[in-house]
Amino acid sequence: MPGGVINGDFVGADEVAVASVRALVDAGKPIGAICHAPWVLIEAGAVRGRRMTSRPSLQIDLRNAGADWVDEEVVVDGTLTTSRRPDDLDAFSTTIVARG
């Protein structure tokens, strides 16, 4: 899922997009979310009990939604891969490709 404040906010407010993300989570499909994209996962009710990272500015939102937020370059929790920012993109991409 794309990062960026505007993308995370816009997609998170779109009921169809949120329902689609929820369906992917429920189906156990791999999901990658970087930067502000975890806002969409919060809206989809998909973060409770998950270990995740994001932009540091989202840590309170993620914790309030039940996630275990950590400040790490890339975090893998089941089918969910999260990353903090564009500077982490190489590690994020490598992890996603390696997971197939």
C-alpha atoms as a PDB file:
ATOM      1  CA  MET A   1       0.000   0.000   0.000  1.00  0.00           C
ATOM      2  CA  PRO A   2       1.320   3.451  -0.808  1.00  0.00           C
ATOM      3  CA  GLY A   3       2.713   5.706   1.834  1.00  0.00           C
ATOM      4  CA  GLY A   4       2.367   9.432   2.170  1.00  0.00           C
ATOM      5  CA  VAL A   5       0.050  11.476   4.346  1.00  0.00           C
ATOM      6  CA  ILE A   6      -2.384  12.231   1.534  1.00  0.00           C
ATOM      7  CA  ASN A   7      -2.513   8.621   0.286  1.00  0.00           C
ATOM      8  CA  GLY A   8      -3.014   7.166   3.761  1.00  0.00           C
ATOM      9  CA  ASP A   9      -5.687   9.702   4.596  1.00  0.00           C
ATOM     10  CA  PHE A  10      -7.488   9.520   1.235  1.00  0.00           C
ATOM     11  CA  VAL A  11      -7.465   5.714   0.943  1.00  0.00           C
ATOM     12  CA  GLY A  12      -8.385   5.290   4.619  1.00  0.00           C
ATOM     13  CA  ALA A  13     -11.501   7.399   4.047  1.00  0.00           C
ATOM     14  CA  ASP A  14     -12.620   5.328   1.044  1.00  0.00           C
ATOM     15  CA  GLU A  15     -15.052   2.634   2.227  1.00  0.00           C
ATOM     16  CA  VAL A  16     -14.479   0.440  -0.834  1.00  0.00           C
ATOM     17  CA  ALA A  17     -10.691   0.587  -0.435  1.00  0.00           C
ATOM     18  CA  VAL A  18     -10.915  -0.196   3.283  1.00  0.00           C
ATOM     19  CA  ALA A  19     -13.266  -3.124   2.606  1.00  0.00           C
ATOM     20  CA  SER A  20     -10.834  -4.420  -0.023  1.00  0.00           C
ATOM     21  CA  VAL A  21      -7.936  -4.265   2.430  1.00  0.00           C
ATOM     22  CA  ARG A  22     -10.042  -6.027   5.070  1.00  0.00           C
ATOM     23  CA  ALA A  23     -10.842  -8.782   2.547  1.00  0.00           C
ATOM     24  CA  LEU A  24      -7.132  -9.215   1.755  1.00  0.00           C
ATOM     25  CA  VAL A  25      -6.302  -9.449   5.457  1.00  0.00           C
ATOM     26  CA  ASP A  26      -9.127 -11.939   6.067  1.00  0.00           C
ATOM     27  CA  ALA A  27      -7.939 -14.047   3.116  1.00  0.00           C
ATOM     28  CA  GLY A  28      -4.394 -14.156   4.501  1.00  0.00           C
ATOM     29  CA  LYS A  29      -2.901 -12.380   1.495  1.00  0.00           C
ATOM     30  CA  PRO A  30       0.474 -10.660   1.867  1.00  0.00           C
ATOM     31  CA  ILE A  31       0.261  -6.924   2.474  1.00  0.00           C
ATOM     32  CA  GLY A  32       3.049  -4.372   2.446  1.00  0.00           C
ATOM     33  CA  ALA A  33       2.466  -0.976   4.040  1.00  0.00           C
ATOM     34  CA  ILE A  34       5.009   1.821   4.262  1.00  0.00           C
ATOM     35  CA  CYS A  35       5.031   5.267   5.820  1.00  0.00           C
ATOM     36  CA  HIS A  36       1.410   6.414   6.448  1.00  0.00           C
ATOM     37  CA  ALA A  37      -0.255   3.390   4.795  1.00  0.00           C
ATOM     38  CA  PRO A  38      -0.925   1.721   8.192  1.00  0.00           C
ATOM     39  CA  TRP A  39      -3.720   4.284   8.668  1.00  0.00           C
ATOM     40  CA  VAL A  40      -5.666   2.198   6.138  1.00  0.00           C
ATOM     41  CA  LEU A  41      -4.943  -0.951   8.149  1.00  0.00           C
ATOM     42  CA  ILE A  42      -6.274   0.804  11.252  1.00  0.00           C
ATOM     43  CA  GLU A  43      -9.481   1.691   9.394  1.00  0.00           C
ATOM     44  CA  ALA A  44      -9.755  -1.929   8.232  1.00  0.00           C
ATOM     45  CA  GLY A  45      -9.490  -3.152  11.832  1.00  0.00           C
ATOM     46  CA  ALA A  46      -6.385  -5.124  10.941  1.00  0.00           C
ATOM     47  CA  VAL A  47      -3.738  -4.010  13.446  1.00  0.00           C
ATOM     48  CA  ARG A  48      -4.827  -5.332  16.854  1.00  0.00           C
ATOM     49  CA  GLY A  49      -2.180  -7.692  18.215  1.00  0.00           C
ATOM     50  CA  ARG A  50       0.189  -7.039  15.301  1.00  0.00           C
ATOM     51  CA  ARG A  51       3.812  -5.984  15.649  1.00  0.00           C
ATOM     52  CA  MET A  52       4.274  -3.068  13.228  1.00  0.00           C
ATOM     53  CA  THR A  53       6.249  -0.016  12.275  1.00  0.00           C
ATOM     54  CA  SER A  54       5.368   3.182  10.420  1.00  0.00           C
ATOM     55  CA  ARG A  55       6.240   6.843  10.401  1.00  0.00           C
ATOM     56  CA  PRO A  56       6.806   7.705  14.049  1.00  0.00           C
ATOM     57  CA  SER A  57       3.897  10.151  13.892  1.00  0.00           C
ATOM     58  CA  LEU A  58       1.491   7.185  13.567  1.00  0.00           C
ATOM     59  CA  GLN A  59       2.749   5.286  16.609  1.00  0.00           C
ATOM     60  CA  ILE A  60       0.036   6.600  18.944  1.00  0.00           C
ATOM     61  CA  ASP A  61      -2.703   5.810  16.410  1.00  0.00           C
ATOM     62  CA  LEU A  62      -1.362   2.287  15.948  1.00  0.00           C
ATOM     63  CA  ARG A  63      -0.942   1.688  19.678  1.00  0.00           C
ATOM     64  CA  ASN A  64      -4.461   3.007  20.354  1.00  0.00           C
ATOM     65  CA  ALA A  65      -5.740   0.562  17.726  1.00  0.00           C
ATOM     66  CA  GLY A  66      -4.000  -2.331  19.523  1.00  0.00           C
ATOM     67  CA  ALA A  67      -0.766  -2.715  17.579  1.00  0.00           C
ATOM     68  CA  ASP A  68       2.669  -3.225  19.114  1.00  0.00           C
ATOM     69  CA  TRP A  69       4.484  -0.325  17.413  1.00  0.00           C
ATOM     70  CA  VAL A  70       8.293  -0.515  17.109  1.00  0.00           C
ATOM     71  CA  ASP A  71      10.828   1.808  15.511  1.00  0.00           C
ATOM     72  CA  GLU A  72      12.518  -0.595  13.083  1.00  0.00           C
ATOM     73  CA  GLU A  73      13.398  -0.422   9.398  1.00  0.00           C
ATOM     74  CA  VAL A  74      11.115  -3.331   8.416  1.00  0.00           C
ATOM     75  CA  VAL A  75       8.759  -5.448  10.518  1.00  0.00           C
ATOM     76  CA  VAL A  76       7.192  -8.719   9.402  1.00  0.00           C
ATOM     77  CA  ASP A  77       4.205 -10.060  11.338  1.00  0.00           C
ATOM     78  CA  GLY A  78       2.525 -12.965   9.594  1.00  0.00           C
ATOM     79  CA  THR A  79       1.388 -11.778   6.177  1.00  0.00           C
ATOM     80  CA  LEU A  80       1.930  -8.108   7.044  1.00  0.00           C
ATOM     81  CA  THR A  81       5.174  -6.290   6.208  1.00  0.00           C
ATOM     82  CA  THR A  82       5.545  -2.686   7.373  1.00  0.00           C
ATOM     83  CA  SER A  83       8.244  -0.070   7.042  1.00  0.00           C
ATOM     84  CA  ARG A  84       8.820   3.479   8.291  1.00  0.00           C
ATOM     85  CA  ARG A  85       9.793   5.810   5.469  1.00  0.00           C
ATOM     86  CA  PRO A  86      11.251   6.179   1.966  1.00  0.00           C
ATOM     87  CA  ASP A  87      14.799   5.833   3.376  1.00  0.00           C
ATOM     88  CA  ASP A  88      13.837   2.238   4.306  1.00  0.00           C
ATOM     89  CA  LEU A  89      12.494   1.429   0.842  1.00  0.00           C
ATOM     90  CA  ASP A  90      15.425  -0.799  -0.195  1.00  0.00           C
ATOM     91  CA  ALA A  91      15.039  -3.015   2.879  1.00  0.00           C
ATOM     92  CA  PHE A  92      11.240  -2.968   2.560  1.00  0.00           C
ATOM     93  CA  SER A  93      11.324  -3.981  -1.099  1.00  0.00           C
ATOM     94  CA  THR A  94      13.949  -6.659  -0.523  1.00  0.00           C
ATOM     95  CA  THR A  95      11.858  -8.150   2.285  1.00  0.00           C
ATOM     96  CA  ILE A  96       8.688  -8.201   0.221  1.00  0.00           C
ATOM     97  CA  VAL A  97      10.428  -9.824  -2.768  1.00  0.00           C
ATOM     98  CA  ALA A  98      12.130 -12.400  -0.529  1.00  0.00           C
ATOM     99  CA  ARG A  99       8.770 -13.358   1.014  1.00  0.00           C
ATOM    100  CA  GLY A 100       7.375 -13.995  -2.489  1.00  0.00           C
END
